[in-house]
Amino acid sequence: MANPIKGEVALVAGEKTYNFRLSANTLVEMEDHFGGKSFNEIMEDMGSRPSIKGLRTVVWFALSENDPAPDEKEAGRIIDAAGMTAINEALKKAIEITFPPRKESEEENPQTAADGTGKGS
């Protein structure tokens, strides 16, 4: 069962459910596989130049922590069984969990930094 606290998203593919996750190790391995591109660059490339091969690779990495982990061809079968809508939703949710938006309280207040009333003042 997927655990959102661990960054997992449930991906239903046919009669099976997989954990879809973008862990730190998964992201590093994915960036290495794509020639050192950052995850953001990989996603930008996928948006501007969609590639089924690239999508299959991203899905393969996101499924890599399942036991047993699927190989690349099995990742393609999982995409077929789940459907593109479910794959896109799982990827979107995994990105949102892994990279949550910053809260206003976490963002630096430009006025405080500019007027010298920050931590060091």
PDB file of N, CA and C in Angstrom:
ATOM      1  N   MET A   1       0.842  -1.183   0.000  1.00  0.00           N
ATOM      2  CA  MET A   1       0.000   0.000   0.000  1.00  0.00           C
ATOM      3  C   MET A   1       0.885   1.245   0.000  1.00  0.00           C
ATOM      4  N   ALA A   2       0.531   2.204  -0.821  1.00  0.00           N
ATOM      5  CA  ALA A   2       1.315   3.427  -0.958  1.00  0.00           C
ATOM      6  C   ALA A   2       1.234   4.262   0.317  1.00  0.00           C
ATOM      7  N   ASN A   3       2.377   4.825   0.707  1.00  0.00           N
ATOM      8  CA  ASN A   3       2.462   5.656   1.895  1.00  0.00           C
ATOM      9  C   ASN A   3       2.863   7.065   1.474  1.00  0.00           C
ATOM     10  N   PRO A   4       1.907   8.013   1.439  1.00  0.00           N
ATOM     11  CA  PRO A   4       2.229   9.371   0.983  1.00  0.00           C
ATOM     12  C   PRO A   4       3.295  10.061   1.845  1.00  0.00           C
ATOM     13  N   ILE A   5       3.410   9.674   3.117  1.00  0.00           N
ATOM     14  CA  ILE A   5       4.434  10.266   3.978  1.00  0.00           C
ATOM     15  C   ILE A   5       5.828   9.923   3.456  1.00  0.00           C
ATOM     16  N   LYS A   6       5.969   8.759   2.840  1.00  0.00           N
ATOM     17  CA  LYS A   6       7.239   8.350   2.223  1.00  0.00           C
ATOM     18  C   LYS A   6       7.339   8.837   0.784  1.00  0.00           C
ATOM     19  N   GLY A   7       6.341   9.570   0.313  1.00  0.00           N
ATOM     20  CA  GLY A   7       6.350  10.068  -1.058  1.00  0.00           C
ATOM     21  C   GLY A   7       5.798   9.094  -2.067  1.00  0.00           C
ATOM     22  N   GLU A   8       5.110   8.066  -1.591  1.00  0.00           N
ATOM     23  CA  GLU A   8       4.580   7.047  -2.494  1.00  0.00           C
ATOM     24  C   GLU A   8       3.180   7.394  -2.982  1.00  0.00           C
ATOM     25  N   VAL A   9       2.921   7.059  -4.229  1.00  0.00           N
ATOM     26  CA  VAL A   9       1.616   7.227  -4.853  1.00  0.00           C
ATOM     27  C   VAL A   9       1.191   5.856  -5.354  1.00  0.00           C
ATOM     28  N   ALA A  10      -0.060   5.488  -5.127  1.00  0.00           N
ATOM     29  CA  ALA A  10      -0.560   4.206  -5.624  1.00  0.00           C
ATOM     30  C   ALA A  10      -0.835   4.323  -7.114  1.00  0.00           C
ATOM     31  N   LEU A  11      -0.287   3.392  -7.870  1.00  0.00           N
ATOM     32  CA  LEU A  11      -0.517   3.329  -9.314  1.00  0.00           C
ATOM     33  C   LEU A  11      -1.181   1.995  -9.617  1.00  0.00           C
ATOM     34  N   VAL A  12      -2.449   2.051 -10.027  1.00  0.00           N
ATOM     35  CA  VAL A  12      -3.187   0.839 -10.353  1.00  0.00           C
ATOM     36  C   VAL A  12      -2.982   0.550 -11.824  1.00  0.00           C
ATOM     37  N   ALA A  13      -2.501  -0.659 -12.094  1.00  0.00           N
ATOM     38  CA  ALA A  13      -2.259  -1.100 -13.468  1.00  0.00           C
ATOM     39  C   ALA A  13      -2.871  -2.487 -13.623  1.00  0.00           C
ATOM     40  N   GLY A  14      -4.027  -2.534 -14.233  1.00  0.00           N
ATOM     41  CA  GLY A  14      -4.725  -3.812 -14.346  1.00  0.00           C
ATOM     42  C   GLY A  14      -5.163  -4.269 -12.970  1.00  0.00           C
ATOM     43  N   GLU A  15      -4.772  -5.479 -12.597  1.00  0.00           N
ATOM     44  CA  GLU A  15      -5.142  -6.027 -11.296  1.00  0.00           C
ATOM     45  C   GLU A  15      -4.089  -5.781 -10.227  1.00  0.00           C
ATOM     46  N   LYS A  16      -3.006  -5.111 -10.571  1.00  0.00           N
ATOM     47  CA  LYS A  16      -1.919  -4.868  -9.618  1.00  0.00           C
ATOM     48  C   LYS A  16      -1.849  -3.391  -9.242  1.00  0.00           C
ATOM     49  N   THR A  17      -1.367  -3.151  -8.044  1.00  0.00           N
ATOM     50  CA  THR A  17      -1.115  -1.790  -7.582  1.00  0.00           C
ATOM     51  C   THR A  17       0.365  -1.682  -7.251  1.00  0.00           C
ATOM     52  N   TYR A  18       0.978  -0.640  -7.769  1.00  0.00           N
ATOM     53  CA  TYR A  18       2.411  -0.399  -7.571  1.00  0.00           C
ATOM     54  C   TYR A  18       2.608   0.880  -6.769  1.00  0.00           C
ATOM     55  N   ASN A  19       3.746   0.951  -6.068  1.00  0.00           N
ATOM     56  CA  ASN A  19       4.144   2.187  -5.412  1.00  0.00           C
ATOM     57  C   ASN A  19       4.982   2.986  -6.402  1.00  0.00           C
ATOM     58  N   PHE A  20       4.546   4.178  -6.657  1.00  0.00           N
ATOM     59  CA  PHE A  20       5.196   5.096  -7.595  1.00  0.00           C
ATOM     60  C   PHE A  20       5.860   6.148  -6.729  1.00  0.00           C
ATOM     61  N   ARG A  21       7.209   6.279  -6.799  1.00  0.00           N
ATOM     62  CA  ARG A  21       7.920   7.152  -5.857  1.00  0.00           C
ATOM     63  C   ARG A  21       9.134   7.805  -6.501  1.00  0.00           C
ATOM     64  N   LEU A  22       9.350   9.062  -6.164  1.00  0.00           N
ATOM     65  CA  LEU A  22      10.529   9.798  -6.618  1.00  0.00           C
ATOM     66  C   LEU A  22      11.428  10.057  -5.406  1.00  0.00           C
ATOM     67  N   SER A  23      12.099   9.015  -4.950  1.00  0.00           N
ATOM     68  CA  SER A  23      12.989   9.143  -3.793  1.00  0.00           C
ATOM     69  C   SER A  23      14.267   9.864  -4.197  1.00  0.00           C
ATOM     70  N   ALA A  24      15.066  10.237  -3.216  1.00  0.00           N
ATOM     71  CA  ALA A  24      16.339  10.906  -3.496  1.00  0.00           C
ATOM     72  C   ALA A  24      17.229  10.026  -4.374  1.00  0.00           C
ATOM     73  N   ASN A  25      17.345   8.752  -4.038  1.00  0.00           N
ATOM     74  CA  ASN A  25      18.185   7.854  -4.839  1.00  0.00           C
ATOM     75  C   ASN A  25      17.630   7.682  -6.246  1.00  0.00           C
ATOM     76  N   THR A  26      16.317   7.576  -6.359  1.00  0.00           N
ATOM     77  CA  THR A  26      15.691   7.459  -7.674  1.00  0.00           C
ATOM     78  C   THR A  26      16.001   8.676  -8.531  1.00  0.00           C
ATOM     79  N   LEU A  27      15.882   9.863  -7.941  1.00  0.00           N
ATOM     80  CA  LEU A  27      16.129  11.099  -8.692  1.00  0.00           C
ATOM     81  C   LEU A  27      17.587  11.203  -9.123  1.00  0.00           C
ATOM     82  N   VAL A  28      18.517  10.836  -8.247  1.00  0.00           N
ATOM     83  CA  VAL A  28      19.944  10.879  -8.606  1.00  0.00           C
ATOM     84  C   VAL A  28      20.231   9.918  -9.754  1.00  0.00           C
ATOM     85  N   GLU A  29      19.718   8.706  -9.642  1.00  0.00           N
ATOM     86  CA  GLU A  29      19.945   7.718 -10.704  1.00  0.00           C
ATOM     87  C   GLU A  29      19.309   8.160 -12.022  1.00  0.00           C
ATOM     88  N   MET A  30      18.139   8.775 -11.934  1.00  0.00           N
ATOM     89  CA  MET A  30      17.469   9.267 -13.140  1.00  0.00           C
ATOM     90  C   MET A  30      18.296  10.382 -13.784  1.00  0.00           C
ATOM     91  N   GLU A  31      18.792  11.313 -12.968  1.00  0.00           N
ATOM     92  CA  GLU A  31      19.604  12.404 -13.498  1.00  0.00           C
ATOM     93  C   GLU A  31      20.873  11.858 -14.153  1.00  0.00           C
ATOM     94  N   ASP A  32      21.510  10.869 -13.545  1.00  0.00           N
ATOM     95  CA  ASP A  32      22.690  10.235 -14.152  1.00  0.00           C
ATOM     96  C   ASP A  32      22.324   9.598 -15.487  1.00  0.00           C
ATOM     97  N   HIS A  33      21.208   8.872 -15.519  1.00  0.00           N
ATOM     98  CA  HIS A  33      20.767   8.188 -16.741  1.00  0.00           C
ATOM     99  C   HIS A  33      20.535   9.173 -17.884  1.00  0.00           C
ATOM    100  N   PHE A  34      20.011  10.355 -17.557  1.00  0.00           N
ATOM    101  CA  PHE A  34      19.718  11.367 -18.570  1.00  0.00           C
ATOM    102  C   PHE A  34      20.893  12.328 -18.765  1.00  0.00           C
ATOM    103  N   GLY A  35      22.098  11.853 -18.554  1.00  0.00           N
ATOM    104  CA  GLY A  35      23.301  12.622 -18.863  1.00  0.00           C
ATOM    105  C   GLY A  35      23.579  13.792 -17.931  1.00  0.00           C
ATOM    106  N   GLY A  36      23.132  13.696 -16.698  1.00  0.00           N
ATOM    107  CA  GLY A  36      23.406  14.754 -15.735  1.00  0.00           C
ATOM    108  C   GLY A  36      22.397  15.884 -15.738  1.00  0.00           C
ATOM    109  N   LYS A  37      21.343  15.762 -16.537  1.00  0.00           N
ATOM    110  CA  LYS A  37      20.291  16.790 -16.517  1.00  0.00           C
ATOM    111  C   LYS A  37      19.590  16.748 -15.161  1.00  0.00           C
ATOM    112  N   SER A  38      19.171  17.915 -14.687  1.00  0.00           N
ATOM    113  CA  SER A  38      18.412  17.958 -13.445  1.00  0.00           C
ATOM    114  C   SER A  38      17.021  17.376 -13.691  1.00  0.00           C
ATOM    115  N   PHE A  39      16.360  17.014 -12.612  1.00  0.00           N
ATOM    116  CA  PHE A  39      15.005  16.486 -12.747  1.00  0.00           C
ATOM    117  C   PHE A  39      14.103  17.510 -13.431  1.00  0.00           C
ATOM    118  N   ASN A  40      14.257  18.784 -13.070  1.00  0.00           N
ATOM    119  CA  ASN A  40      13.457  19.834 -13.706  1.00  0.00           C
ATOM    120  C   ASN A  40      13.714  19.888 -15.207  1.00  0.00           C
ATOM    121  N   GLU A  41      14.966  19.761 -15.612  1.00  0.00           N
ATOM    122  CA  GLU A  41      15.290  19.763 -17.046  1.00  0.00           C
ATOM    123  C   GLU A  41      14.668  18.557 -17.744  1.00  0.00           C
ATOM    124  N   ILE A  42      14.695  17.406 -17.085  1.00  0.00           N
ATOM    125  CA  ILE A  42      14.102  16.198 -17.660  1.00  0.00           C
ATOM    126  C   ILE A  42      12.608  16.422 -17.885  1.00  0.00           C
ATOM    127  N   MET A  43      11.934  16.978 -16.888  1.00  0.00           N
ATOM    128  CA  MET A  43      10.494  17.228 -17.000  1.00  0.00           C
ATOM    129  C   MET A  43      10.191  18.300 -18.049  1.00  0.00           C
ATOM    130  N   GLU A  44      11.022  19.331 -18.132  1.00  0.00           N
ATOM    131  CA  GLU A  44      10.836  20.361 -19.170  1.00  0.00           C
ATOM    132  C   GLU A  44      10.979  19.746 -20.552  1.00  0.00           C
ATOM    133  N   ASP A  45      11.993  18.886 -20.731  1.00  0.00           N
ATOM    134  CA  ASP A  45      12.171  18.203 -22.011  1.00  0.00           C
ATOM    135  C   ASP A  45      10.955  17.346 -22.345  1.00  0.00           C
ATOM    136  N   MET A  46      10.433  16.645 -21.344  1.00  0.00           N
ATOM    137  CA  MET A  46       9.267  15.787 -21.575  1.00  0.00           C
ATOM    138  C   MET A  46       8.058  16.638 -21.979  1.00  0.00           C
ATOM    139  N   GLY A  47       7.953  17.843 -21.429  1.00  0.00           N
ATOM    140  CA  GLY A  47       6.830  18.714 -21.766  1.00  0.00           C
ATOM    141  C   GLY A  47       6.950  19.337 -23.136  1.00  0.00           C
ATOM    142  N   SER A  48       8.186  19.700 -23.517  1.00  0.00           N
ATOM    143  CA  SER A  48       8.367  20.376 -24.798  1.00  0.00           C
ATOM    144  C   SER A  48       8.580  19.402 -25.954  1.00  0.00           C
ATOM    145  N   ARG A  49       9.148  18.244 -25.666  1.00  0.00           N
ATOM    146  CA  ARG A  49       9.394  17.223 -26.688  1.00  0.00           C
ATOM    147  C   ARG A  49       8.997  15.865 -26.130  1.00  0.00           C
ATOM    148  N   PRO A  50       7.678  15.596 -26.038  1.00  0.00           N
ATOM    149  CA  PRO A  50       7.227  14.342 -25.443  1.00  0.00           C
ATOM    150  C   PRO A  50       7.868  13.134 -26.119  1.00  0.00           C
ATOM    151  N   SER A  51       8.282  12.197 -25.305  1.00  0.00           N
ATOM    152  CA  SER A  51       8.931  10.986 -25.788  1.00  0.00           C
ATOM    153  C   SER A  51       8.406   9.803 -24.984  1.00  0.00           C
ATOM    154  N   ILE A  52       7.860   8.828 -25.677  1.00  0.00           N
ATOM    155  CA  ILE A  52       7.373   7.629 -24.985  1.00  0.00           C
ATOM    156  C   ILE A  52       8.549   6.906 -24.339  1.00  0.00           C
ATOM    157  N   LYS A  53       9.688   6.865 -25.011  1.00  0.00           N
ATOM    158  CA  LYS A  53      10.870   6.221 -24.433  1.00  0.00           C
ATOM    159  C   LYS A  53      11.289   6.942 -23.150  1.00  0.00           C
ATOM    160  N   GLY A  54      11.273   8.277 -23.178  1.00  0.00           N
ATOM    161  CA  GLY A  54      11.622   9.046 -21.989  1.00  0.00           C
ATOM    162  C   GLY A  54      10.623   8.820 -20.866  1.00  0.00           C
ATOM    163  N   LEU A  55       9.333   8.789 -21.214  1.00  0.00           N
ATOM    164  CA  LEU A  55       8.297   8.541 -20.218  1.00  0.00           C
ATOM    165  C   LEU A  55       8.465   7.158 -19.609  1.00  0.00           C
ATOM    166  N   ARG A  56       8.711   6.164 -20.446  1.00  0.00           N
ATOM    167  CA  ARG A  56       8.900   4.808 -19.929  1.00  0.00           C
ATOM    168  C   ARG A  56      10.077   4.766 -18.964  1.00  0.00           C
ATOM    169  N   THR A  57      11.146   5.499 -19.277  1.00  0.00           N
ATOM    170  CA  THR A  57      12.319   5.522 -18.402  1.00  0.00           C
ATOM    171  C   THR A  57      11.983   6.183 -17.075  1.00  0.00           C
ATOM    172  N   VAL A  58      11.262   7.298 -17.104  1.00  0.00           N
ATOM    173  CA  VAL A  58      10.866   7.982 -15.864  1.00  0.00           C
ATOM    174  C   VAL A  58       9.986   7.056 -15.025  1.00  0.00           C
ATOM    175  N   VAL A  59       9.031   6.402 -15.652  1.00  0.00           N
ATOM    176  CA  VAL A  59       8.149   5.470 -14.943  1.00  0.00           C
ATOM    177  C   VAL A  59       8.968   4.321 -14.361  1.00  0.00           C
ATOM    178  N   TRP A  60       9.897   3.795 -15.122  1.00  0.00           N
ATOM    179  CA  TRP A  60      10.756   2.707 -14.653  1.00  0.00           C
ATOM    180  C   TRP A  60      11.496   3.116 -13.383  1.00  0.00           C
ATOM    181  N   PHE A  61      12.062   4.309 -13.388  1.00  0.00           N
ATOM    182  CA  PHE A  61      12.762   4.780 -12.188  1.00  0.00           C
ATOM    183  C   PHE A  61      11.788   4.968 -11.027  1.00  0.00           C
ATOM    184  N   ALA A  62      10.612   5.524 -11.299  1.00  0.00           N
ATOM    185  CA  ALA A  62       9.638   5.770 -10.231  1.00  0.00           C
ATOM    186  C   ALA A  62       9.089   4.471  -9.635  1.00  0.00           C
ATOM    187  N   LEU A  63       9.201   3.378 -10.380  1.00  0.00           N
ATOM    188  CA  LEU A  63       8.758   2.066  -9.891  1.00  0.00           C
ATOM    189  C   LEU A  63       9.905   1.231  -9.332  1.00  0.00           C
ATOM    190  N   SER A  64      11.112   1.767  -9.354  1.00  0.00           N
ATOM    191  CA  SER A  64      12.306   0.991  -9.026  1.00  0.00           C
ATOM    192  C   SER A  64      12.386   0.517  -7.582  1.00  0.00           C
ATOM    193  N   GLU A  65      11.603   1.101  -6.690  1.00  0.00           N
ATOM    194  CA  GLU A  65      11.672   0.682  -5.289  1.00  0.00           C
ATOM    195  C   GLU A  65      10.605  -0.342  -4.929  1.00  0.00           C
ATOM    196  N   ASN A  66       9.857  -0.820  -5.934  1.00  0.00           N
ATOM    197  CA  ASN A  66       8.918  -1.907  -5.697  1.00  0.00           C
ATOM    198  C   ASN A  66       9.706  -3.201  -5.532  1.00  0.00           C
ATOM    199  N   ASP A  67       9.108  -4.162  -4.854  1.00  0.00           N
ATOM    200  CA  ASP A  67       9.774  -5.449  -4.662  1.00  0.00           C
ATOM    201  C   ASP A  67       8.869  -6.534  -5.230  1.00  0.00           C
ATOM    202  N   PRO A  68       9.216  -7.127  -6.341  1.00  0.00           N
ATOM    203  CA  PRO A  68      10.433  -6.893  -7.129  1.00  0.00           C
ATOM    204  C   PRO A  68      10.283  -5.657  -8.022  1.00  0.00           C
ATOM    205  N   ALA A  69      11.405  -5.046  -8.313  1.00  0.00           N
ATOM    206  CA  ALA A  69      11.414  -3.878  -9.195  1.00  0.00           C
ATOM    207  C   ALA A  69      11.249  -4.342 -10.639  1.00  0.00           C
ATOM    208  N   PRO A  70      10.399  -3.675 -11.397  1.00  0.00           N
ATOM    209  CA  PRO A  70      10.238  -4.061 -12.806  1.00  0.00           C
ATOM    210  C   PRO A  70      11.438  -3.623 -13.642  1.00  0.00           C
ATOM    211  N   ASP A  71      11.668  -4.322 -14.761  1.00  0.00           N
ATOM    212  CA  ASP A  71      12.683  -3.850 -15.702  1.00  0.00           C
ATOM    213  C   ASP A  71      12.006  -2.841 -16.645  1.00  0.00           C
ATOM    214  N   GLU A  72      12.784  -2.287 -17.570  1.00  0.00           N
ATOM    215  CA  GLU A  72      12.229  -1.248 -18.452  1.00  0.00           C
ATOM    216  C   GLU A  72      11.061  -1.751 -19.281  1.00  0.00           C
ATOM    217  N   LYS A  73      11.165  -2.951 -19.819  1.00  0.00           N
ATOM    218  CA  LYS A  73      10.072  -3.480 -20.650  1.00  0.00           C
ATOM    219  C   LYS A  73       8.812  -3.672 -19.814  1.00  0.00           C
ATOM    220  N   GLU A  74       8.981  -4.141 -18.578  1.00  0.00           N
ATOM    221  CA  GLU A  74       7.829  -4.301 -17.690  1.00  0.00           C
ATOM    222  C   GLU A  74       7.222  -2.938 -17.362  1.00  0.00           C
ATOM    223  N   ALA A  75       8.049  -1.907 -17.225  1.00  0.00           N
ATOM    224  CA  ALA A  75       7.527  -0.553 -16.996  1.00  0.00           C
ATOM    225  C   ALA A  75       6.622  -0.140 -18.153  1.00  0.00           C
ATOM    226  N   GLY A  76       6.987  -0.501 -19.368  1.00  0.00           N
ATOM    227  CA  GLY A  76       6.140  -0.223 -20.532  1.00  0.00           C
ATOM    228  C   GLY A  76       4.819  -0.960 -20.451  1.00  0.00           C
ATOM    229  N   ARG A  77       4.845  -2.212 -19.998  1.00  0.00           N
ATOM    230  CA  ARG A  77       3.602  -2.974 -19.845  1.00  0.00           C
ATOM    231  C   ARG A  77       2.718  -2.354 -18.755  1.00  0.00           C
ATOM    232  N   ILE A  78       3.363  -1.851 -17.699  1.00  0.00           N
ATOM    233  CA  ILE A  78       2.616  -1.195 -16.618  1.00  0.00           C
ATOM    234  C   ILE A  78       1.957   0.081 -17.141  1.00  0.00           C
ATOM    235  N   ILE A  79       2.668   0.828 -17.972  1.00  0.00           N
ATOM    236  CA  ILE A  79       2.082   2.027 -18.593  1.00  0.00           C
ATOM    237  C   ILE A  79       0.846   1.632 -19.400  1.00  0.00           C
ATOM    238  N   ASP A  80       0.973   0.580 -20.209  1.00  0.00           N
ATOM    239  CA  ASP A  80      -0.155   0.124 -21.026  1.00  0.00           C
ATOM    240  C   ASP A  80      -1.336  -0.296 -20.152  1.00  0.00           C
ATOM    241  N   ALA A  81      -1.056  -1.028 -19.062  1.00  0.00           N
ATOM    242  CA  ALA A  81      -2.126  -1.522 -18.187  1.00  0.00           C
ATOM    243  C   ALA A  81      -2.786  -0.389 -17.401  1.00  0.00           C
ATOM    244  N   ALA A  82      -1.999   0.591 -16.979  1.00  0.00           N
ATOM    245  CA  ALA A  82      -2.538   1.701 -16.177  1.00  0.00           C
ATOM    246  C   ALA A  82      -3.232   2.732 -17.051  1.00  0.00           C
ATOM    247  N   GLY A  83      -2.682   2.971 -18.228  1.00  0.00           N
ATOM    248  CA  GLY A  83      -3.197   4.011 -19.112  1.00  0.00           C
ATOM    249  C   GLY A  83      -2.469   5.323 -18.873  1.00  0.00           C
ATOM    250  N   MET A  84      -2.394   6.118 -19.927  1.00  0.00           N
ATOM    251  CA  MET A  84      -1.632   7.371 -19.862  1.00  0.00           C
ATOM    252  C   MET A  84      -2.193   8.362 -18.837  1.00  0.00           C
ATOM    253  N   THR A  85      -3.504   8.407 -18.689  1.00  0.00           N
ATOM    254  CA  THR A  85      -4.085   9.337 -17.726  1.00  0.00           C
ATOM    255  C   THR A  85      -3.617   9.004 -16.318  1.00  0.00           C
ATOM    256  N   ALA A  86      -3.663   7.726 -15.955  1.00  0.00           N
ATOM    257  CA  ALA A  86      -3.227   7.309 -14.615  1.00  0.00           C
ATOM    258  C   ALA A  86      -1.735   7.546 -14.421  1.00  0.00           C
ATOM    259  N   ILE A  87      -0.944   7.308 -15.459  1.00  0.00           N
ATOM    260  CA  ILE A  87       0.506   7.539 -15.372  1.00  0.00           C
ATOM    261  C   ILE A  87       0.775   9.021 -15.144  1.00  0.00           C
ATOM    262  N   ASN A  88       0.125   9.868 -15.925  1.00  0.00           N
ATOM    263  CA  ASN A  88       0.327  11.314 -15.778  1.00  0.00           C
ATOM    264  C   ASN A  88      -0.108  11.796 -14.399  1.00  0.00           C
ATOM    265  N   GLU A  89      -1.220  11.277 -13.892  1.00  0.00           N
ATOM    266  CA  GLU A  89      -1.693  11.662 -12.555  1.00  0.00           C
ATOM    267  C   GLU A  89      -0.718  11.199 -11.477  1.00  0.00           C
ATOM    268  N   ALA A  90      -0.216   9.965 -11.596  1.00  0.00           N
ATOM    269  CA  ALA A  90       0.737   9.449 -10.604  1.00  0.00           C
ATOM    270  C   ALA A  90       2.011  10.279 -10.611  1.00  0.00           C
ATOM    271  N   LEU A  91       2.492  10.621 -11.786  1.00  0.00           N
ATOM    272  CA  LEU A  91       3.701  11.432 -11.890  1.00  0.00           C
ATOM    273  C   LEU A  91       3.465  12.814 -11.295  1.00  0.00           C
ATOM    274  N   LYS A  92       2.333  13.408 -11.615  1.00  0.00           N
ATOM    275  CA  LYS A  92       1.994  14.732 -11.075  1.00  0.00           C
ATOM    276  C   LYS A  92       1.932  14.695  -9.544  1.00  0.00           C
ATOM    277  N   LYS A  93       1.245  13.700  -8.991  1.00  0.00           N
ATOM    278  CA  LYS A  93       1.127  13.584  -7.534  1.00  0.00           C
ATOM    279  C   LYS A  93       2.485  13.329  -6.892  1.00  0.00           C
ATOM    280  N   ALA A  94       3.297  12.469  -7.516  1.00  0.00           N
ATOM    281  CA  ALA A  94       4.624  12.171  -6.962  1.00  0.00           C
ATOM    282  C   ALA A  94       5.497  13.421  -6.942  1.00  0.00           C
ATOM    283  N   ILE A  95       5.410  14.231  -7.985  1.00  0.00           N
ATOM    284  CA  ILE A  95       6.170  15.487  -8.035  1.00  0.00           C
ATOM    285  C   ILE A  95       5.682  16.432  -6.940  1.00  0.00           C
ATOM    286  N   GLU A  96       4.363  16.533  -6.758  1.00  0.00           N
ATOM    287  CA  GLU A  96       3.800  17.414  -5.731  1.00  0.00           C
ATOM    288  C   GLU A  96       4.222  16.982  -4.331  1.00  0.00           C
ATOM    289  N   ILE A  97       4.269  15.674  -4.089  1.00  0.00           N
ATOM    290  CA  ILE A  97       4.683  15.167  -2.781  1.00  0.00           C
ATOM    291  C   ILE A  97       6.181  15.387  -2.567  1.00  0.00           C
ATOM    292  N   THR A  98       6.971  15.122  -3.606  1.00  0.00           N
ATOM    293  CA  THR A  98       8.421  15.224  -3.495  1.00  0.00           C
ATOM    294  C   THR A  98       8.894  16.666  -3.432  1.00  0.00           C
ATOM    295  N   PHE A  99       8.237  17.534  -4.186  1.00  0.00           N
ATOM    296  CA  PHE A  99       8.610  18.952  -4.248  1.00  0.00           C
ATOM    297  C   PHE A  99       7.397  19.818  -3.894  1.00  0.00           C
ATOM    298  N   PRO A 100       6.996  19.829  -2.616  1.00  0.00           N
ATOM    299  CA  PRO A 100       5.820  20.620  -2.254  1.00  0.00           C
ATOM    300  C   PRO A 100       6.076  22.106  -2.463  1.00  0.00           C
ATOM    301  N   PRO A 101       5.024  22.853  -2.777  1.00  0.00           N
ATOM    302  CA  PRO A 101       5.212  24.300  -2.961  1.00  0.00           C
ATOM    303  C   PRO A 101       5.637  24.931  -1.634  1.00  0.00           C
ATOM    304  N   ARG A 102       6.438  25.984  -1.742  1.00  0.00           N
ATOM    305  CA  ARG A 102       6.886  26.684  -0.544  1.00  0.00           C
ATOM    306  C   ARG A 102       5.724  27.456   0.051  1.00  0.00           C
ATOM    307  N   LYS A 103       5.662  27.454   1.374  1.00  0.00           N
ATOM    308  CA  LYS A 103       4.654  28.240   2.075  1.00  0.00           C
ATOM    309  C   LYS A 103       5.165  29.661   2.174  1.00  0.00           C
ATOM    310  N   GLU A 104       4.250  30.608   2.257  1.00  0.00           N
ATOM    311  CA  GLU A 104       4.650  32.015   2.354  1.00  0.00           C
ATOM    312  C   GLU A 104       5.587  32.243   3.526  1.00  0.00           C
ATOM    313  N   SER A 105       5.376  31.540   4.638  1.00  0.00           N
ATOM    314  CA  SER A 105       6.219  31.728   5.818  1.00  0.00           C
ATOM    315  C   SER A 105       7.644  31.238   5.582  1.00  0.00           C
ATOM    316  N   GLU A 106       7.842  30.356   4.588  1.00  0.00           N
ATOM    317  CA  GLU A 106       9.177  29.837   4.280  1.00  0.00           C
ATOM    318  C   GLU A 106       9.923  30.727   3.299  1.00  0.00           C
ATOM    319  N   GLU A 107       9.208  31.584   2.599  1.00  0.00           N
ATOM    320  CA  GLU A 107       9.837  32.447   1.613  1.00  0.00           C
ATOM    321  C   GLU A 107      10.445  33.655   2.314  1.00  0.00           C
ATOM    322  N   GLU A 108      11.580  34.098   1.816  1.00  0.00           N
ATOM    323  CA  GLU A 108      12.215  35.274   2.386  1.00  0.00           C
ATOM    324  C   GLU A 108      11.363  36.496   2.103  1.00  0.00           C
ATOM    325  N   ASN A 109      11.203  37.329   3.107  1.00  0.00           N
ATOM    326  CA  ASN A 109      10.450  38.559   2.941  1.00  0.00           C
ATOM    327  C   ASN A 109      11.393  39.605   2.369  1.00  0.00           C
ATOM    328  N   PRO A 110      11.215  40.014   1.104  1.00  0.00           N
ATOM    329  CA  PRO A 110      12.139  40.965   0.480  1.00  0.00           C
ATOM    330  C   PRO A 110      12.227  42.288   1.234  1.00  0.00           C
ATOM    331  N   GLN A 111      11.139  42.731   1.843  1.00  0.00           N
ATOM    332  CA  GLN A 111      11.146  43.999   2.570  1.00  0.00           C
ATOM    333  C   GLN A 111      12.065  43.904   3.788  1.00  0.00           C
ATOM    334  N   THR A 112      12.001  42.815   4.528  1.00  0.00           N
ATOM    335  CA  THR A 112      12.843  42.634   5.704  1.00  0.00           C
ATOM    336  C   THR A 112      14.309  42.622   5.311  1.00  0.00           C
ATOM    337  N   ALA A 113      14.630  41.916   4.239  1.00  0.00           N
ATOM    338  CA  ALA A 113      16.028  41.828   3.790  1.00  0.00           C
ATOM    339  C   ALA A 113      16.520  43.196   3.321  1.00  0.00           C
ATOM    340  N   ALA A 114      15.662  43.988   2.695  1.00  0.00           N
ATOM    341  CA  ALA A 114      16.070  45.265   2.136  1.00  0.00           C
ATOM    342  C   ALA A 114      16.252  46.338   3.201  1.00  0.00           C
ATOM    343  N   ASP A 115      15.460  46.301   4.280  1.00  0.00           N
ATOM    344  CA  ASP A 115      15.551  47.365   5.259  1.00  0.00           C
ATOM    345  C   ASP A 115      16.487  47.061   6.427  1.00  0.00           C
ATOM    346  N   GLY A 116      17.171  45.933   6.365  1.00  0.00           N
ATOM    347  CA  GLY A 116      18.175  45.641   7.383  1.00  0.00           C
ATOM    348  C   GLY A 116      17.598  45.178   8.709  1.00  0.00           C
ATOM    349  N   THR A 117      16.357  44.669   8.692  1.00  0.00           N
ATOM    350  CA  THR A 117      15.761  44.198   9.940  1.00  0.00           C
ATOM    351  C   THR A 117      15.742  42.687  10.011  1.00  0.00           C
ATOM    352  N   GLY A 118      16.585  42.040   9.230  1.00  0.00           N
ATOM    353  CA  GLY A 118      16.652  40.578   9.222  1.00  0.00           C
ATOM    354  C   GLY A 118      17.399  40.045  10.424  1.00  0.00           C
ATOM    355  N   LYS A 119      17.797  38.782  10.385  1.00  0.00           N
ATOM    356  CA  LYS A 119      18.459  38.112  11.495  1.00  0.00           C
ATOM    357  C   LYS A 119      19.695  38.836  12.018  1.00  0.00           C
ATOM    358  N   GLY A 120      20.530  39.287  11.124  1.00  0.00           N
ATOM    359  CA  GLY A 120      21.807  39.853  11.515  1.00  0.00           C
ATOM    360  C   GLY A 120      21.737  41.285  11.998  1.00  0.00           C
ATOM    361  N   SER A 121      20.580  41.915  12.015  1.00  0.00           N
ATOM    362  CA  SER A 121      20.481  43.336  12.399  1.00  0.00           C
ATOM    363  C   SER A 121      20.200  43.506  13.849  1.00  0.00           C
TER     364      SER A 121
END
